[in-house]
Amino acid sequence: MLLPMIERFLREHDMPPTRFGRDCARDPRLVFDLRLGREPGDRVRRRVEHFMNNYCRSVQQ
């Protein structure tokens, strides 16, 4: 469920997956690993969701 949200975010904001992973979790391979089946822990999931929510707000202002 997290990966489809990330993929949509990347398309909507025209953001490379490495930048997304680096900015939200300090892990440039995050999106690639998720695509390969990595299951994120609760902490990473919360960081990713927090990043996407705050990024959307900061872009709108």
PDB file of N, CA and C in Angstrom:
ATOM      1  N   MET A   1       0.819  -1.200   0.000  1.00  0.00           N
ATOM      2  CA  MET A   1       0.000   0.000   0.000  1.00  0.00           C
ATOM      3  C   MET A   1       0.867   1.270   0.000  1.00  0.00           C
ATOM      4  N   LEU A   2       2.015   1.220   0.647  1.00  0.00           N
ATOM      5  CA  LEU A   2       2.879   2.397   0.694  1.00  0.00           C
ATOM      6  C   LEU A   2       3.501   2.677  -0.667  1.00  0.00           C
ATOM      7  N   LEU A   3       3.940   1.637  -1.353  1.00  0.00           N
ATOM      8  CA  LEU A   3       4.601   1.829  -2.637  1.00  0.00           C
ATOM      9  C   LEU A   3       3.709   2.517  -3.668  1.00  0.00           C
ATOM     10  N   PRO A   4       2.454   2.129  -3.837  1.00  0.00           N
ATOM     11  CA  PRO A   4       1.609   2.866  -4.799  1.00  0.00           C
ATOM     12  C   PRO A   4       1.468   4.352  -4.457  1.00  0.00           C
ATOM     13  N   MET A   5       1.416   4.672  -3.167  1.00  0.00           N
ATOM     14  CA  MET A   5       1.332   6.082  -2.763  1.00  0.00           C
ATOM     15  C   MET A   5       2.620   6.815  -3.145  1.00  0.00           C
ATOM     16  N   ILE A   6       3.749   6.164  -2.942  1.00  0.00           N
ATOM     17  CA  ILE A   6       5.034   6.769  -3.297  1.00  0.00           C
ATOM     18  C   ILE A   6       5.133   6.957  -4.806  1.00  0.00           C
ATOM     19  N   GLU A   7       4.751   5.945  -5.563  1.00  0.00           N
ATOM     20  CA  GLU A   7       4.817   6.034  -7.028  1.00  0.00           C
ATOM     21  C   GLU A   7       3.954   7.189  -7.541  1.00  0.00           C
ATOM     22  N   ARG A   8       2.772   7.348  -6.986  1.00  0.00           N
ATOM     23  CA  ARG A   8       1.889   8.448  -7.379  1.00  0.00           C
ATOM     24  C   ARG A   8       2.534   9.791  -7.017  1.00  0.00           C
ATOM     25  N   PHE A   9       3.116   9.868  -5.827  1.00  0.00           N
ATOM     26  CA  PHE A   9       3.793  11.082  -5.383  1.00  0.00           C
ATOM     27  C   PHE A   9       4.927  11.439  -6.345  1.00  0.00           C
ATOM     28  N   LEU A  10       5.725  10.449  -6.723  1.00  0.00           N
ATOM     29  CA  LEU A  10       6.851  10.692  -7.630  1.00  0.00           C
ATOM     30  C   LEU A  10       6.361  11.236  -8.970  1.00  0.00           C
ATOM     31  N   ARG A  11       5.285  10.662  -9.497  1.00  0.00           N
ATOM     32  CA  ARG A  11       4.740  11.138 -10.775  1.00  0.00           C
ATOM     33  C   ARG A  11       4.187  12.561 -10.646  1.00  0.00           C
ATOM     34  N   GLU A  12       3.416  12.807  -9.598  1.00  0.00           N
ATOM     35  CA  GLU A  12       2.772  14.115  -9.423  1.00  0.00           C
ATOM     36  C   GLU A  12       3.791  15.237  -9.233  1.00  0.00           C
ATOM     37  N   HIS A  13       4.900  14.921  -8.598  1.00  0.00           N
ATOM     38  CA  HIS A  13       5.891  15.956  -8.289  1.00  0.00           C
ATOM     39  C   HIS A  13       7.141  15.857  -9.150  1.00  0.00           C
ATOM     40  N   ASP A  14       7.098  14.950 -10.120  1.00  0.00           N
ATOM     41  CA  ASP A  14       8.211  14.771 -11.053  1.00  0.00           C
ATOM     42  C   ASP A  14       9.545  14.673 -10.294  1.00  0.00           C
ATOM     43  N   MET A  15       9.551  13.800  -9.296  1.00  0.00           N
ATOM     44  CA  MET A  15      10.712  13.652  -8.420  1.00  0.00           C
ATOM     45  C   MET A  15      11.393  12.308  -8.690  1.00  0.00           C
ATOM     46  N   PRO A  16      12.707  12.299  -8.820  1.00  0.00           N
ATOM     47  CA  PRO A  16      13.415  11.027  -8.987  1.00  0.00           C
ATOM     48  C   PRO A  16      13.334  10.182  -7.704  1.00  0.00           C
ATOM     49  N   PRO A  17      13.290   8.872  -7.853  1.00  0.00           N
ATOM     50  CA  PRO A  17      13.190   8.013  -6.671  1.00  0.00           C
ATOM     51  C   PRO A  17      14.368   8.154  -5.704  1.00  0.00           C
ATOM     52  N   THR A  18      15.551   8.404  -6.227  1.00  0.00           N
ATOM     53  CA  THR A  18      16.706   8.548  -5.335  1.00  0.00           C
ATOM     54  C   THR A  18      16.597   9.797  -4.471  1.00  0.00           C
ATOM     55  N   ARG A  19      16.116  10.876  -5.056  1.00  0.00           N
ATOM     56  CA  ARG A  19      15.946  12.108  -4.270  1.00  0.00           C
ATOM     57  C   ARG A  19      14.881  11.906  -3.198  1.00  0.00           C
ATOM     58  N   PHE A  20      13.783  11.254  -3.563  1.00  0.00           N
ATOM     59  CA  PHE A  20      12.716  10.985  -2.595  1.00  0.00           C
ATOM     60  C   PHE A  20      13.264  10.200  -1.402  1.00  0.00           C
ATOM     61  N   GLY A  21      13.946   9.097  -1.686  1.00  0.00           N
ATOM     62  CA  GLY A  21      14.480   8.270  -0.610  1.00  0.00           C
ATOM     63  C   GLY A  21      15.481   9.008   0.253  1.00  0.00           C
ATOM     64  N   ARG A  22      16.326   9.798  -0.392  1.00  0.00           N
ATOM     65  CA  ARG A  22      17.342  10.559   0.340  1.00  0.00           C
ATOM     66  C   ARG A  22      16.682  11.617   1.227  1.00  0.00           C
ATOM     67  N   ASP A  23      15.698  12.319   0.683  1.00  0.00           N
ATOM     68  CA  ASP A  23      15.064  13.413   1.435  1.00  0.00           C
ATOM     69  C   ASP A  23      14.198  12.916   2.582  1.00  0.00           C
ATOM     70  N   CYS A  24      13.520  11.804   2.398  1.00  0.00           N
ATOM     71  CA  CYS A  24      12.578  11.396   3.446  1.00  0.00           C
ATOM     72  C   CYS A  24      13.159  10.379   4.428  1.00  0.00           C
ATOM     73  N   ALA A  25      14.120   9.566   3.992  1.00  0.00           N
ATOM     74  CA  ALA A  25      14.616   8.522   4.890  1.00  0.00           C
ATOM     75  C   ALA A  25      16.133   8.388   4.877  1.00  0.00           C
ATOM     76  N   ARG A  26      16.819   9.322   4.224  1.00  0.00           N
ATOM     77  CA  ARG A  26      18.278   9.260   4.107  1.00  0.00           C
ATOM     78  C   ARG A  26      18.733   7.931   3.506  1.00  0.00           C
ATOM     79  N   ASP A  27      17.922   7.415   2.564  1.00  0.00           N
ATOM     80  CA  ASP A  27      18.220   6.139   1.911  1.00  0.00           C
ATOM     81  C   ASP A  27      17.884   6.251   0.425  1.00  0.00           C
ATOM     82  N   PRO A  28      18.874   6.558  -0.409  1.00  0.00           N
ATOM     83  CA  PRO A  28      18.587   6.749  -1.833  1.00  0.00           C
ATOM     84  C   PRO A  28      18.068   5.491  -2.530  1.00  0.00           C
ATOM     85  N   ARG A  29      18.249   4.324  -1.948  1.00  0.00           N
ATOM     86  CA  ARG A  29      17.769   3.074  -2.544  1.00  0.00           C
ATOM     87  C   ARG A  29      16.383   2.674  -2.048  1.00  0.00           C
ATOM     88  N   LEU A  30      15.782   3.458  -1.198  1.00  0.00           N
ATOM     89  CA  LEU A  30      14.505   3.093  -0.583  1.00  0.00           C
ATOM     90  C   LEU A  30      13.461   2.664  -1.606  1.00  0.00           C
ATOM     91  N   VAL A  31      13.186   3.499  -2.592  1.00  0.00           N
ATOM     92  CA  VAL A  31      12.128   3.194  -3.561  1.00  0.00           C
ATOM     93  C   VAL A  31      12.490   1.948  -4.370  1.00  0.00           C
ATOM     94  N   PHE A  32      13.736   1.830  -4.780  1.00  0.00           N
ATOM     95  CA  PHE A  32      14.157   0.655  -5.548  1.00  0.00           C
ATOM     96  C   PHE A  32      13.991  -0.618  -4.718  1.00  0.00           C
ATOM     97  N   ASP A  33      14.365  -0.545  -3.439  1.00  0.00           N
ATOM     98  CA  ASP A  33      14.218  -1.708  -2.565  1.00  0.00           C
ATOM     99  C   ASP A  33      12.746  -2.055  -2.342  1.00  0.00           C
ATOM    100  N   LEU A  34      11.898  -1.046  -2.189  1.00  0.00           N
ATOM    101  CA  LEU A  34      10.459  -1.303  -2.035  1.00  0.00           C
ATOM    102  C   LEU A  34       9.906  -1.972  -3.285  1.00  0.00           C
ATOM    103  N   ARG A  35      10.360  -1.532  -4.438  1.00  0.00           N
ATOM    104  CA  ARG A  35       9.919  -2.142  -5.698  1.00  0.00           C
ATOM    105  C   ARG A  35      10.336  -3.606  -5.784  1.00  0.00           C
ATOM    106  N   LEU A  36      11.425  -3.955  -5.115  1.00  0.00           N
ATOM    107  CA  LEU A  36      11.908  -5.336  -5.116  1.00  0.00           C
ATOM    108  C   LEU A  36      11.311  -6.175  -3.995  1.00  0.00           C
ATOM    109  N   GLY A  37      10.397  -5.585  -3.217  1.00  0.00           N
ATOM    110  CA  GLY A  37       9.705  -6.352  -2.189  1.00  0.00           C
ATOM    111  C   GLY A  37      10.071  -6.042  -0.760  1.00  0.00           C
ATOM    112  N   ARG A  38      10.956  -5.084  -0.534  1.00  0.00           N
ATOM    113  CA  ARG A  38      11.317  -4.719   0.845  1.00  0.00           C
ATOM    114  C   ARG A  38      10.072  -4.259   1.584  1.00  0.00           C
ATOM    115  N   GLU A  39       9.906  -4.734   2.792  1.00  0.00           N
ATOM    116  CA  GLU A  39       8.799  -4.305   3.649  1.00  0.00           C
ATOM    117  C   GLU A  39       9.327  -3.273   4.643  1.00  0.00           C
ATOM    118  N   PRO A  40       8.845  -2.054   4.561  1.00  0.00           N
ATOM    119  CA  PRO A  40       9.342  -1.021   5.484  1.00  0.00           C
ATOM    120  C   PRO A  40       8.791  -1.227   6.889  1.00  0.00           C
ATOM    121  N   GLY A  41       9.600  -0.866   7.859  1.00  0.00           N
ATOM    122  CA  GLY A  41       9.142  -0.908   9.238  1.00  0.00           C
ATOM    123  C   GLY A  41       8.227   0.272   9.534  1.00  0.00           C
ATOM    124  N   ASP A  42       7.643   0.261  10.699  1.00  0.00           N
ATOM    125  CA  ASP A  42       6.722   1.336  11.095  1.00  0.00           C
ATOM    126  C   ASP A  42       7.399   2.704  11.089  1.00  0.00           C
ATOM    127  N   ARG A  43       8.640   2.730  11.553  1.00  0.00           N
ATOM    128  CA  ARG A  43       9.355   4.007  11.629  1.00  0.00           C
ATOM    129  C   ARG A  43       9.573   4.603  10.232  1.00  0.00           C
ATOM    130  N   VAL A  44      10.008   3.783   9.289  1.00  0.00           N
ATOM    131  CA  VAL A  44      10.223   4.257   7.916  1.00  0.00           C
ATOM    132  C   VAL A  44       8.901   4.658   7.295  1.00  0.00           C
ATOM    133  N   ARG A  45       7.869   3.859   7.514  1.00  0.00           N
ATOM    134  CA  ARG A  45       6.537   4.176   6.979  1.00  0.00           C
ATOM    135  C   ARG A  45       6.062   5.540   7.467  1.00  0.00           C
ATOM    136  N   ARG A  46       6.229   5.800   8.759  1.00  0.00           N
ATOM    137  CA  ARG A  46       5.803   7.096   9.313  1.00  0.00           C
ATOM    138  C   ARG A  46       6.623   8.240   8.730  1.00  0.00           C
ATOM    139  N   ARG A  47       7.925   8.036   8.559  1.00  0.00           N
ATOM    140  CA  ARG A  47       8.794   9.089   7.983  1.00  0.00           C
ATOM    141  C   ARG A  47       8.376   9.417   6.559  1.00  0.00           C
ATOM    142  N   VAL A  48       8.085   8.364   5.772  1.00  0.00           N
ATOM    143  CA  VAL A  48       7.681   8.554   4.384  1.00  0.00           C
ATOM    144  C   VAL A  48       6.350   9.312   4.319  1.00  0.00           C
ATOM    145  N   GLU A  49       5.381   8.879   5.103  1.00  0.00           N
ATOM    146  CA  GLU A  49       4.072   9.547   5.103  1.00  0.00           C
ATOM    147  C   GLU A  49       4.197  10.992   5.575  1.00  0.00           C
ATOM    148  N   HIS A  50       4.991  11.217   6.598  1.00  0.00           N
ATOM    149  CA  HIS A  50       5.209  12.575   7.109  1.00  0.00           C
ATOM    150  C   HIS A  50       5.851  13.455   6.030  1.00  0.00           C
ATOM    151  N   PHE A  51       6.853  12.914   5.361  1.00  0.00           N
ATOM    152  CA  PHE A  51       7.524  13.668   4.301  1.00  0.00           C
ATOM    153  C   PHE A  51       6.540  14.057   3.199  1.00  0.00           C
ATOM    154  N   MET A  52       5.749  13.076   2.735  1.00  0.00           N
ATOM    155  CA  MET A  52       4.811  13.367   1.642  1.00  0.00           C
ATOM    156  C   MET A  52       3.763  14.398   2.068  1.00  0.00           C
ATOM    157  N   ASN A  53       3.247  14.288   3.275  1.00  0.00           N
ATOM    158  CA  ASN A  53       2.253  15.250   3.755  1.00  0.00           C
ATOM    159  C   ASN A  53       2.837  16.656   3.883  1.00  0.00           C
ATOM    160  N   ASN A  54       4.025  16.765   4.436  1.00  0.00           N
ATOM    161  CA  ASN A  54       4.640  18.078   4.599  1.00  0.00           C
ATOM    162  C   ASN A  54       5.106  18.655   3.275  1.00  0.00           C
ATOM    163  N   TYR A  55       5.577  17.832   2.378  1.00  0.00           N
ATOM    164  CA  TYR A  55       6.015  18.313   1.062  1.00  0.00           C
ATOM    165  C   TYR A  55       4.836  18.914   0.312  1.00  0.00           C
ATOM    166  N   CYS A  56       3.716  18.251   0.373  1.00  0.00           N
ATOM    167  CA  CYS A  56       2.515  18.746  -0.318  1.00  0.00           C
ATOM    168  C   CYS A  56       2.093  20.088   0.258  1.00  0.00           C
ATOM    169  N   ARG A  57       2.147  20.224   1.574  1.00  0.00           N
ATOM    170  CA  ARG A  57       1.766  21.492   2.195  1.00  0.00           C
ATOM    171  C   ARG A  57       2.734  22.608   1.831  1.00  0.00           C
ATOM    172  N   SER A  58       4.042  22.300   1.839  1.00  0.00           N
ATOM    173  CA  SER A  58       5.024  23.342   1.563  1.00  0.00           C
ATOM    174  C   SER A  58       4.976  23.781   0.099  1.00  0.00           C
ATOM    175  N   VAL A  59       4.619  22.897  -0.803  1.00  0.00           N
ATOM    176  CA  VAL A  59       4.510  23.238  -2.220  1.00  0.00           C
ATOM    177  C   VAL A  59       3.293  24.125  -2.462  1.00  0.00           C
ATOM    178  N   GLN A  60       2.215  23.885  -1.717  1.00  0.00           N
ATOM    179  CA  GLN A  60       0.988  24.655  -1.904  1.00  0.00           C
ATOM    180  C   GLN A  60       1.115  26.078  -1.388  1.00  0.00           C
ATOM    181  N   GLN A  61       2.006  26.328  -0.452  1.00  0.00           N
ATOM    182  CA  GLN A  61       2.121  27.663   0.148  1.00  0.00           C
ATOM    183  C   GLN A  61       2.980  28.569  -0.691  1.00  0.00           C
TER     184      GLN A  61
END
